[in-house]
């Protein structure tokens, strides 16, 4: 893959052009990742509302019928349900890893196998999350490690 960056002082908006022989899964993944930068999620903490940029989000978690948004150091509450977030971030680096968590795969620092086909992932903020065995194949595919 060839990457070219042109810095142009007099433009008002950043533009990304993807040139490809044909549109494939890799190209679609690149496009979905780029689109994340335009996604902001409305969240709240301490009675105040905030907009969080998708690349800053580590994961979403459902706890007692409330959905929380975790960033590197902060935790916010959001009014979205997990299925709505799956639709918003479909075909991106966000994926369901168990019944209660949607994870941004770009925030995985390391991972290891656990009991019964599960995996554990350590995130860049030091937190550990568990990947259910039902979701391990999708994560491996996203990370490019699904070879036999």
Protein backbone atom coordinates (compact mmCIF):
# COMPACT_ATOMS: atom_id res chain seq x y z
CA UNK A 1 0.00 0.00 0.00
CA UNK A 2 1.27 3.43 -0.92
CA UNK A 3 0.54 6.41 1.34
CA UNK A 4 1.01 10.00 0.20
CA UNK A 5 0.47 13.07 2.37
CA UNK A 6 0.28 16.56 0.89
CA UNK A 7 0.30 19.58 3.19
CA UNK A 8 -1.61 22.45 1.60
CA UNK A 9 -1.74 25.65 3.66
CA UNK A 10 -4.78 27.29 2.07
CA UNK A 11 -7.38 24.50 2.34
CA UNK A 12 -10.23 24.71 4.85
CA UNK A 13 -11.01 21.02 5.32
CA UNK A 14 -8.90 17.87 5.36
CA UNK A 15 -9.73 15.55 2.47
CA UNK A 16 -8.72 11.91 2.16
CA UNK A 17 -8.86 10.21 -1.24
CA UNK A 18 -8.59 6.42 -1.39
CA UNK A 19 -7.42 5.03 -4.74
CA UNK A 20 -7.79 1.29 -5.25
CA UNK A 21 -8.04 -1.26 -8.03
CA UNK A 22 -11.23 -2.62 -6.46
CA UNK A 23 -13.14 -2.12 -3.24
CA UNK A 24 -12.32 -4.99 -0.88
CA UNK A 25 -12.55 -5.69 2.86
CA UNK A 26 -9.23 -3.92 3.54
CA UNK A 27 -10.34 -0.79 1.69
CA UNK A 28 -13.72 -0.84 3.44
CA UNK A 29 -11.95 -1.16 6.79
CA UNK A 30 -9.72 1.84 6.01
CA UNK A 31 -12.75 3.91 5.01
CA UNK A 32 -14.66 2.91 8.16
CA UNK A 33 -11.70 3.84 10.34
CA UNK A 34 -11.40 7.24 8.68
CA UNK A 35 -15.11 7.86 9.18
CA UNK A 36 -14.68 7.31 12.91
CA UNK A 37 -12.97 10.69 13.13
CA UNK A 38 -16.28 12.34 12.22
CA UNK A 39 -18.21 10.38 14.89
CA UNK A 40 -18.83 12.11 18.18
CA UNK A 41 -20.87 10.56 20.97
CA UNK A 42 -22.90 12.61 23.42
CA UNK A 43 -22.16 11.63 27.01
CA UNK A 44 -22.69 13.09 30.46
CA UNK A 45 -20.85 13.27 33.77
CA UNK A 46 -21.55 15.33 36.89
CA UNK A 47 -24.69 16.78 35.31
CA UNK A 48 -22.78 18.16 32.31
CA UNK A 49 -22.95 17.05 28.68
CA UNK A 50 -19.86 16.35 26.58
CA UNK A 51 -19.00 15.30 23.05
CA UNK A 52 -16.41 12.52 22.91
CA UNK A 53 -14.58 11.75 19.69
CA UNK A 54 -14.72 8.06 18.71
CA UNK A 55 -10.92 7.57 18.57
CA UNK A 56 -10.74 8.65 22.25
CA UNK A 57 -13.13 5.90 23.37
CA UNK A 58 -11.69 2.70 24.82
CA UNK A 59 -14.97 0.83 25.29
CA UNK A 60 -18.66 0.99 26.15
CA UNK A 61 -20.08 -1.12 28.96
CA UNK A 62 -23.63 -1.91 30.04
CA UNK A 63 -23.92 -1.99 33.84
CA UNK A 64 -27.35 -2.38 35.47
CA UNK A 65 -29.25 -1.05 32.42
CA UNK A 66 -26.97 1.97 32.02
CA UNK A 67 -24.32 2.31 29.32
CA UNK A 68 -20.99 3.86 30.22
CA UNK A 69 -18.31 5.21 27.91
CA UNK A 70 -14.70 4.68 29.03
CA UNK A 71 -11.85 6.88 27.82
CA UNK A 72 -8.23 6.78 28.95
CA UNK A 73 -8.94 8.38 32.33
CA UNK A 74 -12.66 9.23 32.48
CA UNK A 75 -15.96 7.37 32.64
CA UNK A 76 -19.12 8.92 31.21
CA UNK A 77 -22.72 7.80 30.93
CA UNK A 78 -24.47 7.74 27.56
CA UNK A 79 -28.13 7.38 26.65
CA UNK A 80 -27.34 5.02 23.77
CA UNK A 81 -28.03 1.30 24.11
CA UNK A 82 -25.29 -1.15 23.10
CA UNK A 83 -27.18 -2.28 19.98
CA UNK A 84 -27.44 1.38 18.87
CA UNK A 85 -23.69 1.83 19.34
CA UNK A 86 -23.07 -1.34 17.31
CA UNK A 87 -25.07 0.24 14.47
CA UNK A 88 -23.28 3.59 14.78
CA UNK A 89 -19.82 1.99 14.75
CA UNK A 90 -20.58 -0.92 12.40
CA UNK A 91 -17.68 -1.93 10.12
CA UNK A 92 -15.14 -0.06 12.21
CA UNK A 93 -12.62 -0.89 14.92
CA UNK A 94 -15.41 -1.18 17.50
CA UNK A 95 -16.76 -4.66 18.12
CA UNK A 96 -18.76 -6.55 20.70
CA UNK A 97 -16.51 -8.71 22.89
CA UNK A 98 -19.11 -10.03 25.34
CA UNK A 99 -22.73 -9.42 26.32
CA UNK A 100 -21.95 -6.15 28.08
CA UNK A 101 -18.96 -4.57 26.28
CA UNK A 102 -18.21 -3.01 22.89
CA UNK A 103 -14.45 -2.51 22.57
CA UNK A 104 -12.35 -0.22 20.38
CA UNK A 105 -9.79 -2.76 19.08
CA UNK A 106 -7.28 0.06 18.49
CA UNK A 107 -6.98 0.39 22.28
CA UNK A 108 -5.71 -3.18 22.81
CA UNK A 109 -2.12 -3.23 24.05
CA UNK A 110 -1.83 -7.01 24.42
CA UNK A 111 -3.99 -10.09 24.72
CA UNK A 112 -3.69 -13.68 25.86
CA UNK A 113 -5.71 -16.86 25.86
CA UNK A 114 -7.83 -17.62 28.92
CA UNK A 115 -9.82 -20.65 30.04
CA UNK A 116 -12.61 -22.20 27.95
CA UNK A 117 -11.67 -20.46 24.68
CA UNK A 118 -11.93 -16.96 26.08
CA UNK A 119 -9.29 -14.25 25.81
CA UNK A 120 -8.16 -11.41 28.04
CA UNK A 121 -7.08 -8.09 26.58
CA UNK A 122 -4.98 -5.46 28.31
CA UNK A 123 -5.79 -1.95 27.13
CA UNK A 124 -3.44 1.01 26.81
CA UNK A 125 -5.00 2.54 29.94
CA UNK A 126 -4.04 -0.56 31.96
CA UNK A 127 -7.54 -2.03 32.23
CA UNK A 128 -8.23 -5.69 31.50
CA UNK A 129 -11.34 -6.85 29.62
CA UNK A 130 -12.56 -10.37 28.92
CA UNK A 131 -13.47 -11.51 25.41
CA UNK A 132 -16.15 -14.20 25.40
CA UNK A 133 -15.36 -17.27 23.30
CA UNK A 134 -18.30 -16.42 21.02
CA UNK A 135 -16.59 -13.16 20.04
CA UNK A 136 -12.95 -14.34 19.85
CA UNK A 137 -13.13 -15.28 16.11
CA UNK A 138 -14.39 -11.79 15.14
CA UNK A 139 -11.60 -10.13 17.14
CA UNK A 140 -8.96 -12.42 15.60
CA UNK A 141 -10.28 -11.63 12.14
CA UNK A 142 -10.16 -7.89 12.85
CA UNK A 143 -6.60 -8.15 14.15
CA UNK A 144 -5.53 -10.31 11.20
CA UNK A 145 -4.64 -13.35 13.27
CA UNK A 146 -7.23 -15.90 12.20
CA UNK A 147 -4.78 -18.14 10.37
CA UNK A 148 -4.79 -21.83 11.23
